Structure formats: structure tokens, C-alpha cells
């Protein structure tokens, strides 16, 4: 059985978001919203340039949950997200997961999930419910 971590245990993963990441995500999902892929269109928006798909950023949380904390074998039950700031090409995003309560006897637990950019700006805030791996 995987060791169950105590409340407050954290893990992180950082990645610089590239143009290739954004275009690849658009191709995989079919989400070709011009705010993500069209420089001219995106330049005329409130963001003044292209932004990454919110779910691309959220996917970095999945990396932490599935590979670091709780890790391989985790069952992802739910995720609540609030996107708090845009992510732009070449932003370095750090996804962080924190255990907010010890897992129950059946392994159920809640996690605080956040993503910040290279300036420390919170770009995503949320919570996840998972079953700890056995």
C-alpha cells in the first residue's frame, strides 16, 4: 500500500508553456478558439495576446496528482477550478497540490490545487477529491 501523506504535505510540477503546447492542445481537443491560436484576434482582446487554454493549465495539476502526490494509482473523482489570471506563451507555471485532510480508511481525501506563474501570480485555484492509491 502507498504511504498516506499527512495534512499539509505538498508536491509541485513546473513547466514553461510553449506555443507548441497551446497548438498541440488545440489539435487534440479541437478547441480552436482564436484567443488561443490567432495572434491578431487575441491581440485585440482584453488579454492583449494569445492565452493558453485553461484546461491545459489544469492538466498540470493532473500531472502532480497522478505522478507525485498521491501518485500512481490515484483515482481522480472530481476537480473544482477557478481561473484567476491568464496564462501566456512562455509563462512558467507551477502546479501545486496540498493534502488538506488525512485520507479516510477507504482512501478518500481532498486536495488543495493551485497554479502560479513565474511572478507568483495565482492563475488557477481549486480543490480535488481523490481516492488514495493502494
Foldseek 3Di string as FASTA:
>chain_A
DQDWDAFFDKDKDKDAAALCLQVVVCVVVVPPPVLAPPQVVVCPDPNNGHFHDPVSLVVRLVVCVDPPVVHPQKAWDDKDKDFDDTHDHGWMKMKMKGFHHTADPQQWGKIWIWIATPVRHTGMTIMTIIRRGD
